[in-house]
N, C-alpha and C. Protein backbone atom coordinates (compact mmCIF):
# COMPACT_ATOMS: atom_id res chain seq x y z
N MET A 1 -9.01 5.18 1.64
CA MET A 1 -8.88 5.44 3.10
C MET A 1 -7.55 4.65 3.54
N VAL A 2 -6.71 5.69 4.12
CA VAL A 2 -5.34 5.59 4.65
C VAL A 2 -5.44 5.00 6.10
N VAL A 3 -4.90 3.48 5.70
CA VAL A 3 -4.89 2.75 7.15
C VAL A 3 -3.44 2.57 7.80
N GLU A 4 -3.32 2.00 8.79
CA GLU A 4 -2.27 1.19 9.23
C GLU A 4 -2.08 0.06 8.32
N PRO A 5 -0.34 -0.60 8.51
CA PRO A 5 -0.29 -1.62 7.82
C PRO A 5 -1.30 -2.97 8.19
N SER A 6 -1.13 -2.94 9.80
CA SER A 6 -1.93 -4.11 10.31
C SER A 6 -3.64 -3.80 9.91
N GLU A 7 -3.68 -2.86 9.67
CA GLU A 7 -5.45 -2.84 9.16
C GLU A 7 -5.51 -3.09 7.78
N PHE A 8 -4.52 -2.69 7.09
CA PHE A 8 -4.61 -3.07 5.54
C PHE A 8 -4.47 -4.59 5.53
N LEU A 9 -3.61 -5.47 6.26
CA LEU A 9 -3.61 -6.84 6.00
C LEU A 9 -4.85 -7.41 6.66
N ARG A 10 -5.39 -7.10 7.36
CA ARG A 10 -6.82 -7.43 8.06
C ARG A 10 -7.82 -7.10 7.06
N ALA A 11 -7.84 -5.83 6.38
CA ALA A 11 -8.99 -5.71 5.31
C ALA A 11 -8.70 -6.82 3.90
N LEU A 12 -7.42 -6.91 3.92
CA LEU A 12 -7.06 -7.95 2.68
C LEU A 12 -7.64 -9.38 3.09
N SER A 13 -7.76 -9.81 4.21
CA SER A 13 -8.33 -11.14 4.80
C SER A 13 -9.95 -11.24 4.56
N LEU A 14 -10.37 -10.02 4.33
CA LEU A 14 -11.64 -10.43 3.88
C LEU A 14 -12.21 -10.69 2.36
N ALA A 15 -11.34 -10.29 1.50
CA ALA A 15 -11.39 -10.41 0.28
C ALA A 15 -11.30 -12.00 -0.32
N GLU A 16 -11.89 -12.53 -0.93
CA GLU A 16 -11.78 -13.89 -1.69
C GLU A 16 -10.40 -14.05 -2.23
N GLN A 17 -10.22 -13.26 -3.31
CA GLN A 17 -8.99 -12.99 -4.13
C GLN A 17 -8.53 -11.60 -4.42
N PRO A 18 -7.98 -11.27 -3.41
CA PRO A 18 -7.54 -9.71 -3.39
C PRO A 18 -6.20 -9.57 -4.46
N LEU A 19 -6.24 -8.29 -4.77
CA LEU A 19 -5.42 -7.48 -5.74
C LEU A 19 -4.63 -6.52 -5.24
N VAL A 20 -3.26 -6.59 -5.15
CA VAL A 20 -2.53 -5.46 -4.49
C VAL A 20 -1.61 -4.89 -5.21
N VAL A 21 -1.71 -3.29 -5.07
CA VAL A 21 -0.48 -2.85 -5.89
C VAL A 21 0.13 -2.64 -5.08
N GLU A 22 1.73 -3.04 -5.45
CA GLU A 22 2.85 -2.57 -4.41
C GLU A 22 3.79 -1.50 -4.90
N VAL A 23 4.11 -0.32 -4.53
CA VAL A 23 5.13 0.59 -4.99
C VAL A 23 6.19 0.79 -3.98
N ARG A 24 7.15 0.56 -4.49
CA ARG A 24 8.50 0.71 -3.87
C ARG A 24 8.94 2.23 -4.14
N GLU A 25 9.21 2.71 -2.91
CA GLU A 25 9.77 4.24 -3.13
C GLU A 25 10.93 4.59 -2.31
N THR A 26 11.92 5.51 -3.10
CA THR A 26 13.05 6.00 -2.04
C THR A 26 12.83 7.30 -1.83
N ARG A 27 12.93 7.44 -0.64
CA ARG A 27 12.64 8.95 0.06
C ARG A 27 13.88 9.52 1.15
N GLY A 28 13.73 10.65 0.96
CA GLY A 28 14.82 11.52 1.85
C GLY A 28 16.06 11.86 0.51
N VAL A 29 16.72 12.95 1.12
CA VAL A 29 17.65 13.54 0.08
C VAL A 29 18.99 13.17 0.89
N ILE A 30 19.22 13.23 2.01
CA ILE A 30 20.65 12.85 2.74
C ILE A 30 20.41 11.40 3.01
N SER A 31 19.57 10.97 3.73
CA SER A 31 19.43 9.78 4.50
C SER A 31 18.45 8.85 3.82
N LYS A 32 18.41 8.42 2.46
CA LYS A 32 17.62 7.70 1.86
C LYS A 32 17.32 6.25 2.41
N ARG A 33 15.96 6.09 2.35
CA ARG A 33 15.04 4.93 2.75
C ARG A 33 14.35 4.66 1.97
N THR A 34 14.02 3.25 1.98
CA THR A 34 13.12 2.50 1.12
C THR A 34 11.68 2.56 1.69
N VAL A 35 10.52 2.77 0.99
CA VAL A 35 9.06 2.71 1.70
C VAL A 35 8.35 1.91 0.74
N TYR A 36 7.44 1.26 1.31
CA TYR A 36 6.71 0.47 0.57
C TYR A 36 5.04 1.17 0.40
N VAL A 37 4.37 1.37 -0.67
CA VAL A 37 3.07 1.79 -0.82
C VAL A 37 2.25 0.92 -0.90
N TYR A 38 1.27 0.47 -0.35
CA TYR A 38 0.15 -0.76 -0.92
C TYR A 38 -1.21 0.16 -1.21
N VAL A 39 -1.72 -0.58 -2.17
CA VAL A 39 -2.96 0.01 -2.64
C VAL A 39 -4.09 -1.27 -3.25
N ALA A 40 -4.96 -1.49 -2.29
CA ALA A 40 -6.10 -2.55 -2.69
C ALA A 40 -7.63 -2.10 -2.52
N SER A 41 -8.49 -2.96 -3.24
CA SER A 41 -9.86 -2.56 -2.93
C SER A 41 -10.27 -3.67 -2.51
N VAL A 42 -11.28 -3.18 -1.43
CA VAL A 42 -11.86 -4.36 -0.89
C VAL A 42 -13.45 -4.04 -0.58
N ARG A 43 -14.05 -4.80 -1.16
CA ARG A 43 -15.71 -4.56 -0.85
C ARG A 43 -15.98 -2.92 -1.48
N GLY A 44 -15.13 -2.78 -1.98
CA GLY A 44 -15.84 -1.31 -2.68
C GLY A 44 -14.83 0.04 -2.07
N ILE A 45 -14.11 -0.38 -0.97
CA ILE A 45 -13.62 0.47 -0.44
C ILE A 45 -12.05 0.40 -0.69
N THR A 46 -11.32 1.63 -1.36
CA THR A 46 -9.84 1.58 -1.65
C THR A 46 -9.15 1.83 -0.04
N PHE A 47 -8.07 0.72 -0.01
CA PHE A 47 -7.30 1.09 0.97
C PHE A 47 -6.01 1.20 0.57
N ILE A 48 -5.28 2.16 1.51
CA ILE A 48 -3.90 2.43 1.33
C ILE A 48 -2.91 2.57 2.44
N THR A 49 -1.76 1.92 2.58
CA THR A 49 -1.04 2.04 3.54
C THR A 49 0.39 2.06 3.01
N ARG A 50 1.25 2.65 4.04
CA ARG A 50 2.51 2.74 3.86
C ARG A 50 3.41 2.03 4.73
N SER A 51 4.78 1.51 4.46
CA SER A 51 5.36 0.46 5.37
C SER A 51 6.89 0.60 5.03
N GLU A 52 7.80 0.91 6.14
CA GLU A 52 9.19 0.81 5.53
C GLU A 52 9.81 -0.85 5.46
N ASP A 53 8.66 -1.68 5.89
CA ASP A 53 9.12 -3.41 5.49
C ASP A 53 8.08 -3.79 4.66
N ARG A 54 8.62 -4.55 3.78
CA ARG A 54 7.86 -5.13 2.91
C ARG A 54 6.54 -5.95 3.36
N LEU A 55 5.37 -5.76 3.15
CA LEU A 55 4.27 -6.88 4.00
C LEU A 55 4.27 -7.96 3.16
N ASP A 56 3.70 -8.91 3.81
CA ASP A 56 3.46 -10.31 3.63
C ASP A 56 1.94 -10.40 3.25
N CYS A 57 1.58 -9.99 1.86
CA CYS A 57 -0.04 -10.15 1.71
C CYS A 57 -0.15 -11.64 1.30
N LYS A 58 -0.46 -12.55 2.17
CA LYS A 58 -0.88 -13.75 2.04
C LYS A 58 -1.92 -14.05 1.27
N GLY A 59 -1.79 -14.62 0.31
CA GLY A 59 -3.11 -15.19 -0.57
C GLY A 59 -3.64 -13.79 -1.39
N ALA A 60 -2.74 -13.17 -1.69
CA ALA A 60 -2.91 -11.83 -2.67
C ALA A 60 -2.36 -11.84 -3.83
N THR A 61 -2.91 -11.53 -5.07
CA THR A 61 -1.87 -11.43 -5.91
C THR A 61 -1.35 -9.95 -6.05
N VAL A 62 -0.01 -9.78 -6.13
CA VAL A 62 0.55 -8.60 -5.55
C VAL A 62 1.00 -7.98 -7.25
N VAL A 63 0.86 -7.04 -7.78
CA VAL A 63 1.24 -6.18 -8.70
C VAL A 63 2.26 -5.03 -8.43
N GLU A 64 3.53 -5.20 -8.97
CA GLU A 64 4.51 -4.29 -8.60
C GLU A 64 4.07 -3.03 -9.74
N GLY A 65 3.85 -1.84 -8.86
CA GLY A 65 3.58 -0.57 -9.69
C GLY A 65 5.14 0.22 -9.89
N ARG A 66 5.44 1.09 -10.66
CA ARG A 66 6.08 1.98 -10.93
C ARG A 66 6.35 3.11 -10.19
N ARG A 67 5.12 3.72 -10.21
CA ARG A 67 5.02 5.00 -9.62
C ARG A 67 3.46 5.02 -9.24
N LEU A 68 3.25 5.87 -8.05
CA LEU A 68 2.09 6.00 -7.41
C LEU A 68 1.45 7.39 -7.76
N VAL A 69 0.40 7.58 -8.21
CA VAL A 69 0.04 9.08 -8.65
C VAL A 69 -1.20 9.06 -7.75
N LEU A 70 -1.37 9.85 -6.87
CA LEU A 70 -2.55 10.26 -5.91
C LEU A 70 -2.73 11.69 -6.20
N PRO A 71 -3.67 12.15 -5.80
CA PRO A 71 -4.32 13.46 -5.55
C PRO A 71 -3.45 14.20 -4.33
N PRO A 72 -3.08 15.38 -4.32
CA PRO A 72 -2.49 15.97 -3.29
C PRO A 72 -3.13 15.63 -1.71
N PRO A 73 -4.23 15.83 -1.69
CA PRO A 73 -4.84 15.88 -0.28
C PRO A 73 -4.53 14.26 0.32
N ILE A 74 -4.78 13.41 -0.55
CA ILE A 74 -4.72 12.13 -0.18
C ILE A 74 -3.06 11.49 0.03
N ARG A 75 -2.18 12.22 -0.90
CA ARG A 75 -0.47 12.03 -1.05
C ARG A 75 -0.13 12.63 0.47
N GLN A 76 -0.38 13.66 0.76
CA GLN A 76 0.32 14.07 2.23
C GLN A 76 0.27 13.12 3.23
N TYR A 77 -0.78 11.97 3.16
CA TYR A 77 -0.97 10.85 4.49
C TYR A 77 0.02 9.89 4.00
N VAL A 78 0.63 9.67 2.85
CA VAL A 78 0.95 8.73 2.55
C VAL A 78 2.22 9.07 2.39
């Protein structure tokens, strides 16, 4: 499920010991910008969000990923 960053953080607050994967990507050809993509599973549902700012995932264990591989139908929303 692709959600806004605020909803992602809200979902994390429902988990006792959330585990979050954070992937930092550089996008753009001319004007490069950094984008953060986050993935977490809460109560059996996978949540994905994208943010131009790094999220403060309080209380979560954050694992840094090198690259995020998603199916094309999901990738277009992230």
